[in-house]
Amino acid sequence: MLNRCIVALIGLALSAPAAQAIPFFARKYNVNCSQCHLLPPALNSYGQAFVANGYKLDDLPAPRRTVPAAVWWSHRLEINEERGQAKAYPNRVEIISSDAVTPWLSYFVEWRAVSYQTAASQRLLARHGRFEDAFVQFFLPGGFSLAVGQFRMLSQWDVSRRLTLTEPTAFSAGVRGGSSRNARLQSLRSFSLAGRAPAIRATLQTLGRGSPANGWFHEFVVPLTGELSAPLGEEARRNASFELEGRPKGFLYETYYRQGLSSLGGAIFAGNDRWLANLTGALQAGRHSLIASAGTARFREGLHDFRLSIGDVWIPTSWMGMGVRLDHQSAARRKPSVSPHINFSFPGGSYTFLLTVEQQLQRNGNGTAVELSAVF
C-alpha cells in the first residue's frame, strides 16, 4: 500500500501544471529560489545573510512592485505501520509575508488559513487561523537587534527550515509548566527550543566577518504563555484559541558562533522550578549538512531527561536531497528512532513543488509520512 501511495503522489507532482504566481522575493528581485536555498526550505549562505539582514542585501537587483505574499499548500499522508492505519489530508494552506519596511525595521507573518494535524487516534484536529510566526524586528546600532511577536525560541538552527517532516527530538522535547484547569492553557505553559511562543528577543552580534549572518551571537529571550491566532470555525476556536498569559515562562539565553552554514553553540532555559540546556553543532562539509544536539532537562517533579539528535542531509543537486537522523529521549522510555528521508524540489525556479518522504524506524513505532507541497 505504501509503495502505491508514494508512486501516486510522485505522479501527481510530476503532472502538476506550472503555477502562475511565484514567491514574493523571487518576484520582487527577479531571481530563482536557488539564489537563497540549497533545497527549499533549507537556506544557503546567501539566503541566511538575506534573512539575518532583515530581508535585504545591497547586491540584489533593483526591486519591482509586486504582491508582498506567497502561498504554501501541502497535502500529507501518514501511515501508522504498527496499527495498520493510514490517513491522507490537506494539512496546510499558509499565507506568508515578509519584507524590509525601512533599513532598521522588518517583519515576518506566517498565517495558516487551513491547518490540520492528527491526534494519537489519527483523528484530525482543526486549527485553522493560527499564526506560525508573526513578529517585527528592529535593527539598532552596535550590532543590537530586537524582535517582538511570536516566533520559535532557538535561533542557531532554525527548525522551521528543516527538510524533514518531524522535528529533531533534542529541540522539540519540552519541559512542562504549571498546572491549570484549562487544558489548552496548561499545554501552552510548556517550553521547548523548537516551540513557538509570544516573546521578546534581544540579540547582540559581535565578531561579524563578511556577512550579517556570521559572528558570535548572544540571544536573550523572554517567552510568554500563549498563542497568537485568528481562529476560523468552532473547532479551531477550541484547538487554536487566542491566548496570552501575562507571566513569563522563564528566561532563555542562547549563545553561538556561526561562520557560513556551520555553527557551534548552546542554550539554557530556566523558570518556575524547571530548566533545560542544549549544546548544538552544525557543520557544512561540501554537499553534506550535519547537525548534532545533546541536552538535558529537569521537570517540576524532579525528573531528569536526556535528549539527543544526530543527523546528516546530503544535497547532491538543486532538485534532490536525502538524509537520516537518530533521535533519543530517555524519559520516553523507548528505543532510539532512526528517520531516513528523501526530498525532491521541482522545477527549482521561481515557483516550486516539494515532495518529502520520511520513514520512522523504531521498535513498536514504525511509521511513514509523505508530503506534497506547492509554494507560489
Protein backbone atom coordinates (compact mmCIF):
# COMPACT_ATOMS: atom_id res chain seq x y z
CA MET A 1 0.00 0.00 0.00
CA LEU A 2 2.82 2.40 0.89
CA ASN A 3 4.54 1.92 -2.49
CA ARG A 4 1.30 2.62 -4.38
CA CYS A 5 0.68 5.78 -2.35
CA ILE A 6 4.18 7.10 -2.95
CA VAL A 7 4.05 6.36 -6.68
CA ALA A 8 0.65 8.09 -6.92
CA LEU A 9 1.94 11.20 -5.15
CA ILE A 10 5.06 11.37 -7.32
CA GLY A 11 2.91 11.02 -10.41
CA LEU A 12 0.61 13.79 -9.22
CA ALA A 13 3.55 16.09 -8.54
CA LEU A 14 5.21 15.45 -11.90
CA SER A 15 1.97 16.08 -13.78
CA ALA A 16 1.01 19.21 -11.84
CA PRO A 17 0.60 22.33 -14.02
CA ALA A 18 3.01 25.24 -13.57
CA ALA A 19 1.83 27.76 -11.04
CA GLN A 20 1.03 31.22 -12.39
CA ALA A 21 2.32 33.09 -9.34
CA ILE A 22 5.81 32.97 -7.81
CA PRO A 23 7.16 33.59 -4.27
CA PHE A 24 7.36 37.19 -3.24
CA PHE A 25 11.13 37.70 -3.10
CA ALA A 26 11.67 35.86 -6.39
CA ARG A 27 9.08 38.18 -7.97
CA LYS A 28 10.44 41.28 -6.28
CA TYR A 29 14.07 40.77 -7.33
CA ASN A 30 13.54 38.57 -10.43
CA VAL A 31 15.67 35.70 -9.08
CA ASN A 32 15.17 31.94 -8.73
CA CYS A 33 14.64 30.04 -5.48
CA SER A 34 18.19 28.68 -5.80
CA GLN A 35 19.51 32.20 -5.14
CA CYS A 36 18.75 31.68 -1.41
CA HIS A 37 18.06 27.95 -0.98
CA LEU A 38 20.15 24.80 -1.06
CA LEU A 39 16.85 22.94 -1.39
CA PRO A 40 13.69 24.71 -0.20
CA PRO A 41 13.15 25.49 2.61
CA ALA A 42 16.83 24.99 3.64
CA LEU A 43 18.86 28.18 3.15
CA ASN A 44 22.30 28.57 1.61
CA SER A 45 24.81 31.13 2.92
CA TYR A 46 23.38 33.89 0.72
CA GLY A 47 19.83 33.23 1.93
CA GLN A 48 20.97 33.13 5.53
CA ALA A 49 22.64 36.54 5.13
CA PHE A 50 19.50 37.90 3.44
CA VAL A 51 17.31 36.85 6.38
CA ALA A 52 19.80 37.99 9.02
CA ASN A 53 19.97 41.43 7.38
CA GLY A 54 16.20 41.94 7.55
CA TYR A 55 15.27 40.66 4.04
CA LYS A 56 17.61 42.95 2.12
CA LEU A 57 21.12 42.89 0.63
CA ASP A 58 22.91 45.58 -1.37
CA ASP A 59 23.90 43.35 -4.31
CA LEU A 60 20.35 42.30 -5.24
CA PRO A 61 18.75 43.65 -8.43
CA ALA A 62 16.51 46.69 -8.21
CA PRO A 63 13.18 45.69 -6.57
CA ARG A 64 9.96 45.57 -8.58
CA ARG A 65 6.42 46.20 -7.39
CA THR A 66 4.54 43.00 -6.62
CA VAL A 67 2.10 41.50 -4.11
CA PRO A 68 4.10 41.04 -0.87
CA ALA A 69 2.94 37.50 -0.12
CA ALA A 70 3.43 33.84 -1.02
CA VAL A 71 1.21 30.78 -0.53
CA TRP A 72 2.33 27.38 0.72
CA TRP A 73 -0.10 24.49 0.17
CA SER A 74 0.59 20.93 1.31
CA HIS A 75 -1.18 17.56 1.44
CA ARG A 76 0.05 14.83 3.77
CA LEU A 77 -0.23 11.06 4.01
CA GLU A 78 0.55 9.43 7.38
CA ILE A 79 0.84 5.65 7.82
CA ASN A 80 0.99 4.02 11.25
CA GLU A 81 2.51 0.66 10.40
CA GLU A 82 2.04 -0.78 13.89
CA ARG A 83 -1.73 -0.19 13.84
CA GLY A 84 -2.19 -0.71 10.10
CA GLN A 85 -3.80 2.73 9.76
CA ALA A 86 -3.36 5.44 7.13
CA LYS A 87 -4.77 8.92 6.73
CA ALA A 88 -4.39 11.49 3.94
CA TYR A 89 -5.46 15.09 4.46
CA PRO A 90 -4.72 18.69 3.38
CA ASN A 91 -2.64 19.77 6.34
CA ARG A 92 -1.78 23.35 5.35
CA VAL A 93 -2.74 26.39 3.32
CA GLU A 94 -0.38 29.07 4.51
CA ILE A 95 -0.02 32.74 3.60
CA ILE A 96 3.47 34.15 4.15
CA SER A 97 4.52 37.78 4.00
CA SER A 98 7.85 39.34 5.00
CA ASP A 99 9.92 42.32 3.92
CA ALA A 100 12.15 45.19 4.98
CA VAL A 101 9.95 48.20 5.78
CA THR A 102 12.90 50.54 6.44
CA PRO A 103 16.67 49.98 6.81
CA TRP A 104 16.05 49.41 10.54
CA LEU A 105 12.68 47.60 10.56
CA SER A 106 11.46 44.31 9.04
CA TYR A 107 8.52 41.98 9.61
CA PHE A 108 7.54 38.34 9.09
CA VAL A 109 4.00 36.89 9.18
CA GLU A 110 3.08 33.24 8.53
CA TRP A 111 -0.68 32.57 8.88
CA ARG A 112 -2.39 29.23 8.32
CA ALA A 113 -5.84 29.68 6.79
CA VAL A 114 -6.11 25.86 6.78
CA SER A 115 -4.31 23.86 9.45
CA TYR A 116 -4.94 20.19 10.29
CA GLN A 117 -2.95 17.80 12.45
CA THR A 118 -3.62 14.26 13.62
CA ALA A 119 -4.17 13.21 17.21
CA ALA A 120 -2.80 9.95 18.62
CA SER A 121 -6.03 8.26 17.46
CA GLN A 122 -5.42 9.72 13.95
CA ARG A 123 -8.49 11.93 14.32
CA LEU A 124 -8.00 15.23 12.53
CA LEU A 125 -7.77 18.34 14.70
CA ALA A 126 -8.69 21.62 13.01
CA ARG A 127 -6.51 24.59 14.00
CA HIS A 128 -7.39 26.99 11.17
CA GLY A 129 -6.33 30.59 11.63
CA ARG A 130 -3.27 30.16 13.83
CA PHE A 131 -0.05 32.08 13.27
CA GLU A 132 3.10 30.04 12.84
CA ASP A 133 5.15 33.22 13.21
CA ALA A 134 4.24 36.90 13.46
CA PHE A 135 6.90 39.36 14.55
CA VAL A 136 8.65 42.65 13.84
CA GLN A 137 12.40 43.10 14.13
CA PHE A 138 14.25 46.31 14.91
CA PHE A 139 17.91 46.74 13.90
CA LEU A 140 19.82 49.05 16.24
CA PRO A 141 23.37 50.47 16.18
CA GLY A 142 26.26 48.46 17.61
CA GLY A 143 25.11 45.02 16.45
CA PHE A 144 21.92 45.05 18.53
CA SER A 145 18.50 43.92 17.28
CA LEU A 146 15.14 43.39 18.93
CA ALA A 147 12.35 41.00 17.85
CA VAL A 148 8.82 41.28 19.24
CA GLY A 149 5.94 38.92 18.43
CA GLN A 150 5.58 35.14 18.06
CA PHE A 151 8.50 33.02 16.87
CA ARG A 152 10.49 29.87 17.56
CA MET A 153 12.78 30.01 20.55
CA LEU A 154 16.01 28.64 19.02
CA SER A 155 17.97 30.85 16.61
CA GLN A 156 21.18 28.90 15.94
CA TRP A 157 19.42 26.16 13.96
CA ASP A 158 16.02 27.21 12.59
CA VAL A 159 13.73 24.19 12.93
CA SER A 160 11.17 25.70 10.51
CA ARG A 161 13.71 25.37 7.65
CA ARG A 162 14.36 21.66 8.16
CA LEU A 163 13.93 19.24 5.24
CA THR A 164 12.36 16.54 7.42
CA LEU A 165 8.67 16.37 8.32
CA THR A 166 9.43 15.74 12.00
CA GLU A 167 11.49 17.95 14.31
CA PRO A 168 14.73 16.80 15.98
CA THR A 169 13.87 15.49 19.45
CA ALA A 170 16.71 17.45 21.05
CA PHE A 171 14.82 20.63 20.11
CA SER A 172 11.17 19.53 20.24
CA ALA A 173 11.23 17.77 23.64
CA GLY A 174 9.97 20.26 26.21
CA VAL A 175 9.51 20.79 29.91
CA ARG A 176 6.02 21.01 31.38
CA GLY A 177 4.74 24.16 33.04
CA GLY A 178 2.38 24.76 35.92
CA SER A 179 -0.99 23.04 36.09
CA SER A 180 -4.21 24.74 35.03
CA ARG A 181 -7.88 23.78 34.86
CA ASN A 182 -7.74 24.95 31.26
CA ALA A 183 -6.09 22.08 29.33
CA ARG A 184 -5.10 24.32 26.43
CA LEU A 185 -3.51 26.89 28.72
CA GLN A 186 -1.62 24.15 30.52
CA SER A 187 -0.22 22.82 27.24
CA LEU A 188 0.86 26.34 26.23
CA ARG A 189 2.78 26.71 29.51
CA SER A 190 5.26 24.05 28.42
CA PHE A 191 8.56 25.14 26.87
CA SER A 192 10.74 23.67 24.13
CA LEU A 193 13.51 25.10 21.98
CA ALA A 194 11.56 24.25 18.82
CA GLY A 195 8.31 25.67 20.19
CA ARG A 196 6.70 28.93 19.19
CA ALA A 197 5.54 31.47 21.73
CA PRO A 198 4.82 35.18 22.06
CA ALA A 199 8.15 36.60 23.17
CA ILE A 200 10.70 39.38 23.16
CA ARG A 201 14.21 38.63 21.91
CA ALA A 202 17.24 40.91 22.24
CA THR A 203 20.29 39.99 20.13
CA LEU A 204 23.87 41.18 20.27
CA GLN A 205 26.17 40.27 17.35
CA THR A 206 29.95 40.62 17.60
CA LEU A 207 32.94 39.44 15.55
CA GLY A 208 30.92 39.58 12.32
CA ARG A 209 33.01 38.71 9.27
CA GLY A 210 31.79 39.43 5.77
CA SER A 211 28.13 38.54 6.33
CA PRO A 212 25.26 39.69 8.56
CA ALA A 213 24.78 36.01 9.48
CA ASN A 214 28.38 35.45 10.64
CA GLY A 215 29.90 36.12 14.04
CA TRP A 216 29.27 35.49 17.70
CA PHE A 217 25.65 35.91 18.76
CA HIS A 218 24.11 36.39 22.20
CA GLU A 219 20.31 35.95 22.36
CA PHE A 220 18.22 36.96 25.39
CA VAL A 221 14.60 35.76 25.19
CA VAL A 222 11.61 36.24 27.50
CA PRO A 223 8.82 33.85 26.31
CA LEU A 224 5.19 34.27 27.39
CA THR A 225 2.47 31.66 27.70
CA GLY A 226 0.06 31.91 24.79
CA GLU A 227 -0.54 31.65 21.07
CA LEU A 228 -1.37 34.38 18.58
CA SER A 229 -4.24 33.30 16.33
CA ALA A 230 -7.35 34.38 14.49
CA PRO A 231 -9.27 31.07 14.69
CA LEU A 232 -11.63 30.13 11.85
CA GLY A 233 -14.51 27.89 12.86
CA GLU A 234 -15.85 26.45 16.10
CA GLU A 235 -13.34 23.58 16.39
CA ALA A 236 -10.43 25.95 15.71
CA ARG A 237 -11.70 28.22 18.48
CA ARG A 238 -11.21 25.28 20.85
CA ASN A 239 -7.90 23.99 19.49
CA ALA A 240 -6.25 27.27 18.45
CA SER A 241 -7.86 30.00 20.53
CA PHE A 242 -6.05 33.28 21.04
CA GLU A 243 -4.30 33.05 24.42
CA LEU A 244 -1.88 35.34 26.21
CA GLU A 245 -0.90 34.96 29.85
CA GLY A 246 0.98 37.86 31.40
CA ARG A 247 3.53 35.80 33.36
CA PRO A 248 6.77 34.89 31.54
CA LYS A 249 7.55 31.19 31.21
CA GLY A 250 11.10 31.91 32.30
CA PHE A 251 14.25 33.15 30.61
CA LEU A 252 16.26 31.74 27.70
CA TYR A 253 19.89 32.58 26.99
CA GLU A 254 21.44 31.31 23.77
CA THR A 255 24.98 31.89 22.50
CA TYR A 256 26.63 30.57 19.35
CA TYR A 257 29.35 31.30 16.82
CA ARG A 258 28.42 30.96 13.14
CA GLN A 259 30.55 31.05 10.00
CA GLY A 260 28.63 30.36 6.82
CA LEU A 261 26.36 27.36 7.43
CA SER A 262 28.50 25.96 10.25
CA SER A 263 27.94 26.91 13.88
CA LEU A 264 28.61 25.87 17.46
CA GLY A 265 26.68 27.00 20.50
CA GLY A 266 24.44 26.31 23.44
CA ALA A 267 21.21 27.40 25.08
CA ILE A 268 19.83 27.29 28.60
CA PHE A 269 16.27 27.94 29.78
CA ALA A 270 15.25 28.39 33.41
CA GLY A 271 11.96 29.22 35.08
CA ASN A 272 9.35 28.03 37.57
CA ASP A 273 11.37 25.14 39.06
CA ARG A 274 12.27 23.72 35.66
CA TRP A 275 15.17 24.08 33.27
CA LEU A 276 16.70 22.67 30.12
CA ALA A 277 20.07 23.05 28.42
CA ASN A 278 21.40 22.05 24.99
CA LEU A 279 24.70 22.05 23.12
CA THR A 280 24.39 22.16 19.33
CA GLY A 281 26.86 21.91 16.47
CA ALA A 282 26.17 22.28 12.76
CA LEU A 283 28.78 21.57 10.08
CA GLN A 284 28.57 22.20 6.37
CA ALA A 285 31.02 19.82 4.67
CA GLY A 286 30.72 20.10 0.91
CA ARG A 287 27.22 18.95 0.00
CA HIS A 288 26.61 17.48 3.46
CA SER A 289 24.82 19.36 6.27
CA LEU A 290 25.47 17.69 9.63
CA ILE A 291 23.69 18.51 12.89
CA ALA A 292 24.26 17.19 16.40
CA SER A 293 22.50 18.37 19.54
CA ALA A 294 22.50 16.93 23.05
CA GLY A 295 20.76 18.27 26.11
CA THR A 296 19.21 17.61 29.47
CA ALA A 297 16.20 18.92 31.37
CA ARG A 298 14.71 18.90 34.84
CA PHE A 299 10.95 18.94 35.42
CA ARG A 300 8.95 20.13 38.42
CA GLU A 301 8.64 16.52 39.57
CA GLY A 302 12.42 16.24 39.81
CA LEU A 303 12.68 14.05 36.69
CA HIS A 304 15.85 14.45 34.65
CA ASP A 305 15.65 13.84 30.92
CA PHE A 306 18.42 13.34 28.35
CA ARG A 307 17.77 14.27 24.69
CA LEU A 308 19.92 13.57 21.63
CA SER A 309 19.59 14.21 17.89
CA ILE A 310 22.25 13.48 15.26
CA GLY A 311 21.63 13.82 11.53
CA ASP A 312 23.06 14.39 8.08
CA VAL A 313 21.49 15.77 4.91
CA TRP A 314 23.16 15.28 1.53
CA ILE A 315 22.06 17.58 -1.30
CA PRO A 316 23.83 16.40 -4.49
CA THR A 317 21.72 18.50 -6.86
CA SER A 318 19.42 21.54 -6.75
CA TRP A 319 16.35 19.28 -7.05
CA MET A 320 17.04 16.39 -4.65
CA GLY A 321 18.28 15.75 -1.14
CA MET A 322 18.34 12.82 1.24
CA GLY A 323 19.40 12.19 4.79
CA VAL A 324 18.94 10.34 8.05
CA ARG A 325 18.56 11.35 11.70
CA LEU A 326 18.83 9.49 15.00
CA ASP A 327 16.70 10.70 17.94
CA HIS A 328 16.62 9.60 21.57
CA GLN A 329 14.83 10.82 24.71
CA SER A 330 15.46 8.95 27.94
CA ALA A 331 12.19 9.98 29.64
CA ALA A 332 10.17 8.48 26.78
CA ARG A 333 11.48 5.03 27.85
CA ARG A 334 11.65 3.86 24.24
CA LYS A 335 14.45 2.71 21.99
CA PRO A 336 16.09 5.40 19.83
CA SER A 337 14.45 6.10 16.48
CA VAL A 338 16.12 6.36 13.08
CA SER A 339 14.43 8.51 10.42
CA PRO A 340 15.67 8.37 6.81
CA HIS A 341 14.10 10.81 4.35
CA ILE A 342 14.27 11.88 0.71
CA ASN A 343 13.27 15.24 -0.74
CA PHE A 344 12.51 16.44 -4.27
CA SER A 345 12.08 20.02 -5.45
CA PHE A 346 10.95 20.87 -8.97
CA PRO A 347 11.15 22.70 -11.27
CA GLY A 348 13.50 24.63 -8.96
CA GLY A 349 12.78 28.02 -10.44
CA SER A 350 10.72 30.96 -9.26
CA TYR A 351 7.97 28.62 -8.05
CA THR A 352 8.38 25.10 -6.79
CA PHE A 353 6.73 21.82 -5.92
CA LEU A 354 8.14 19.84 -3.00
CA LEU A 355 7.85 16.14 -2.25
CA THR A 356 9.14 14.65 1.03
CA VAL A 357 9.05 11.00 2.10
CA GLU A 358 10.13 10.19 5.65
CA GLN A 359 10.27 6.82 7.40
CA GLN A 360 10.44 6.36 11.17
CA LEU A 361 12.17 3.18 12.30
CA GLN A 362 11.62 2.42 15.96
CA ARG A 363 10.64 -0.63 17.96
CA ASN A 364 6.82 -0.59 18.22
CA GLY A 365 6.76 2.79 16.49
CA ASN A 366 7.34 2.35 12.77
CA GLY A 367 5.60 4.83 10.52
CA THR A 368 5.79 6.67 7.22
CA ALA A 369 4.86 10.21 6.25
CA VAL A 370 4.63 11.66 2.73
CA GLU A 371 4.00 15.33 2.00
CA LEU A 372 3.41 17.05 -1.34
CA SER A 373 3.64 20.85 -1.31
CA ALA A 374 3.44 23.75 -3.70
CA VAL A 375 4.93 27.17 -2.93
CA PHE A 376 3.97 30.06 -5.20
